[in-house]
């Protein structure tokens, strides 16, 4: 297993395939968006992915998925930590996400649940928020800088 690394534009088909296996949206992704995606590989096989969709001083965390047979090995937590570190480098103050299945996972990692009406306009404008995720998806946020509240 390789360490976390930046996704490459050529990874797009494999990223979409991994997301589809996990029933996560990926049709809106394009090669340029992969600039803010991180991956883990097993040889040439993509086994985990996470993405950031920066929007000014906020970002949408999207597409955190680990191949089913590798769950429980800490890969997801490693990817999440790397994505949060990357968001800090980009001076992102608040990291938002939408989930239908992993709210408890993110609760344990410092994210808090919000009413969808509380999402900033920049996050509401993303395709994932406005069209791809169901209205029943849980909105969550984590403040990344000390002293900055969402």
Protein backbone atom coordinates (compact mmCIF):
# COMPACT_ATOMS: atom_id res chain seq x y z
CA UNK A 1 0.00 0.00 0.00
CA UNK A 2 1.35 3.39 -0.93
CA UNK A 3 1.14 6.48 1.20
CA UNK A 4 -1.38 9.21 0.53
CA UNK A 5 -0.54 11.01 -2.70
CA UNK A 6 -2.09 13.59 -4.98
CA UNK A 7 -4.46 12.25 -7.59
CA UNK A 8 -3.35 12.54 -11.20
CA UNK A 9 -5.63 13.65 -14.06
CA UNK A 10 -5.36 10.14 -15.51
CA UNK A 11 -6.88 8.73 -12.30
CA UNK A 12 -10.33 10.08 -13.17
CA UNK A 13 -11.82 6.82 -14.52
CA UNK A 14 -10.54 4.84 -11.52
CA UNK A 15 -11.77 7.50 -9.07
CA UNK A 16 -15.23 7.40 -10.65
CA UNK A 17 -15.22 3.59 -10.54
CA UNK A 18 -14.30 3.51 -6.85
CA UNK A 19 -16.99 6.09 -6.05
CA UNK A 20 -19.59 4.13 -8.01
CA UNK A 21 -18.76 0.96 -6.07
CA UNK A 22 -19.46 2.90 -2.86
CA UNK A 23 -22.64 4.46 -4.30
CA UNK A 24 -21.15 7.95 -4.11
CA UNK A 25 -21.63 10.63 -6.79
CA UNK A 26 -18.80 11.17 -9.23
CA UNK A 27 -20.36 12.01 -12.56
CA UNK A 28 -19.69 15.71 -12.06
CA UNK A 29 -15.95 15.18 -11.56
CA UNK A 30 -13.48 16.23 -14.21
CA UNK A 31 -9.71 15.94 -14.50
CA UNK A 32 -9.17 19.54 -13.33
CA UNK A 33 -11.06 18.87 -10.09
CA UNK A 34 -8.60 16.08 -9.25
CA UNK A 35 -6.05 18.79 -8.41
CA UNK A 36 -7.57 18.74 -4.92
CA UNK A 37 -8.05 14.97 -4.59
CA UNK A 38 -5.83 12.54 -2.70
CA UNK A 39 -5.54 8.81 -3.26
CA UNK A 40 -4.00 5.63 -1.89
CA UNK A 41 -2.90 2.82 -4.18
CA UNK A 42 -2.07 -0.84 -3.88
CA UNK A 43 0.40 -1.17 -6.71
CA UNK A 44 -1.42 0.25 -9.72
CA UNK A 45 -4.85 -0.20 -8.14
CA UNK A 46 -6.62 2.78 -6.62
CA UNK A 47 -7.96 1.66 -3.21
CA UNK A 48 -9.02 4.90 -1.51
CA UNK A 49 -9.83 8.48 -2.42
CA UNK A 50 -10.89 11.77 -0.85
CA UNK A 51 -11.48 15.14 -2.45
CA UNK A 52 -11.73 18.80 -1.63
CA UNK A 53 -13.85 21.24 -3.57
CA UNK A 54 -12.48 24.64 -2.45
CA UNK A 55 -14.88 27.59 -2.47
CA UNK A 56 -13.20 30.77 -1.23
CA UNK A 57 -12.40 30.22 2.49
CA UNK A 58 -14.61 27.13 2.71
CA UNK A 59 -14.44 23.77 1.00
CA UNK A 60 -16.62 20.75 0.49
CA UNK A 61 -15.03 17.49 1.56
CA UNK A 62 -16.25 14.91 -0.85
CA UNK A 63 -15.80 11.38 -1.97
CA UNK A 64 -14.05 9.84 1.03
CA UNK A 65 -14.10 6.15 0.19
CA UNK A 66 -11.93 3.15 0.98
CA UNK A 67 -12.29 -0.11 -0.92
CA UNK A 68 -14.60 -2.39 1.07
CA UNK A 69 -12.03 -5.14 1.72
CA UNK A 70 -9.62 -2.61 3.28
CA UNK A 71 -12.00 -1.00 5.77
CA UNK A 72 -10.86 -0.91 9.39
CA UNK A 73 -7.19 -0.42 8.61
CA UNK A 74 -7.06 3.33 9.27
CA UNK A 75 -6.80 4.29 5.61
CA UNK A 76 -9.90 6.51 5.78
CA UNK A 77 -8.62 8.34 8.85
CA UNK A 78 -5.23 8.80 7.18
CA UNK A 79 -6.86 10.23 4.06
CA UNK A 80 -9.16 12.47 6.09
CA UNK A 81 -6.20 13.85 8.05
CA UNK A 82 -4.29 14.50 4.83
CA UNK A 83 -7.32 16.26 3.29
CA UNK A 84 -7.73 18.45 6.37
CA UNK A 85 -4.02 19.32 6.27
CA UNK A 86 -4.32 20.21 2.58
CA UNK A 87 -7.37 22.36 3.33
CA UNK A 88 -5.36 24.23 5.99
CA UNK A 89 -2.59 24.82 3.42
CA UNK A 90 -5.25 26.33 1.15
CA UNK A 91 -6.32 28.55 4.09
CA UNK A 92 -9.74 26.93 4.27
CA UNK A 93 -11.45 27.99 7.50
CA UNK A 94 -14.44 25.64 7.43
CA UNK A 95 -14.67 22.21 5.86
CA UNK A 96 -18.20 21.02 5.01
CA UNK A 97 -19.44 17.61 3.95
CA UNK A 98 -22.64 15.80 3.12
CA UNK A 99 -23.23 12.20 4.12
CA UNK A 100 -26.04 9.70 4.10
CA UNK A 101 -24.15 6.91 5.88
CA UNK A 102 -21.13 8.20 7.82
CA UNK A 103 -22.34 10.94 10.20
CA UNK A 104 -21.19 8.98 13.27
CA UNK A 105 -17.74 8.47 11.73
CA UNK A 106 -17.38 12.23 11.21
CA UNK A 107 -18.91 13.04 14.63
CA UNK A 108 -15.95 11.21 16.17
CA UNK A 109 -13.52 13.29 14.12
CA UNK A 110 -14.68 16.73 15.24
CA UNK A 111 -17.36 17.48 12.67
CA UNK A 112 -20.68 18.83 13.86
CA UNK A 113 -24.08 18.49 12.26
CA UNK A 114 -25.84 21.51 10.80
CA UNK A 115 -29.23 22.20 9.32
CA UNK A 116 -28.81 22.34 5.53
CA UNK A 117 -30.24 25.88 5.57
CA UNK A 118 -27.07 26.95 7.43
CA UNK A 119 -24.76 26.07 4.54
CA UNK A 120 -22.99 29.09 3.06
CA UNK A 121 -23.98 30.07 -0.47
CA UNK A 122 -20.66 28.83 -1.89
CA UNK A 123 -21.30 25.32 -0.56
CA UNK A 124 -24.96 25.37 -1.63
CA UNK A 125 -23.77 26.21 -5.16
CA UNK A 126 -21.76 22.99 -5.52
CA UNK A 127 -23.30 20.30 -7.70
CA UNK A 128 -23.00 17.80 -4.87
CA UNK A 129 -25.11 19.98 -2.55
CA UNK A 130 -27.56 21.30 -5.12
CA UNK A 131 -28.18 18.22 -7.25
CA UNK A 132 -26.24 15.05 -6.48
CA UNK A 133 -26.83 14.37 -2.78
CA UNK A 134 -30.35 13.76 -1.55
CA UNK A 135 -32.04 16.39 0.58
CA UNK A 136 -31.92 13.88 3.43
CA UNK A 137 -28.10 13.91 3.49
CA UNK A 138 -26.61 15.21 6.73
CA UNK A 139 -24.63 18.43 6.46
CA UNK A 140 -21.58 18.61 8.71
CA UNK A 141 -18.81 21.15 9.27
CA UNK A 142 -15.45 21.36 10.98
CA UNK A 143 -13.63 24.59 11.75
CA UNK A 144 -10.00 24.10 10.76
CA UNK A 145 -8.36 27.14 12.33
CA UNK A 146 -8.22 27.75 16.06
CA UNK A 147 -10.53 30.55 17.02
CA UNK A 148 -12.56 30.29 13.82
CA UNK A 149 -16.13 29.15 14.29
CA UNK A 150 -18.39 27.89 11.54
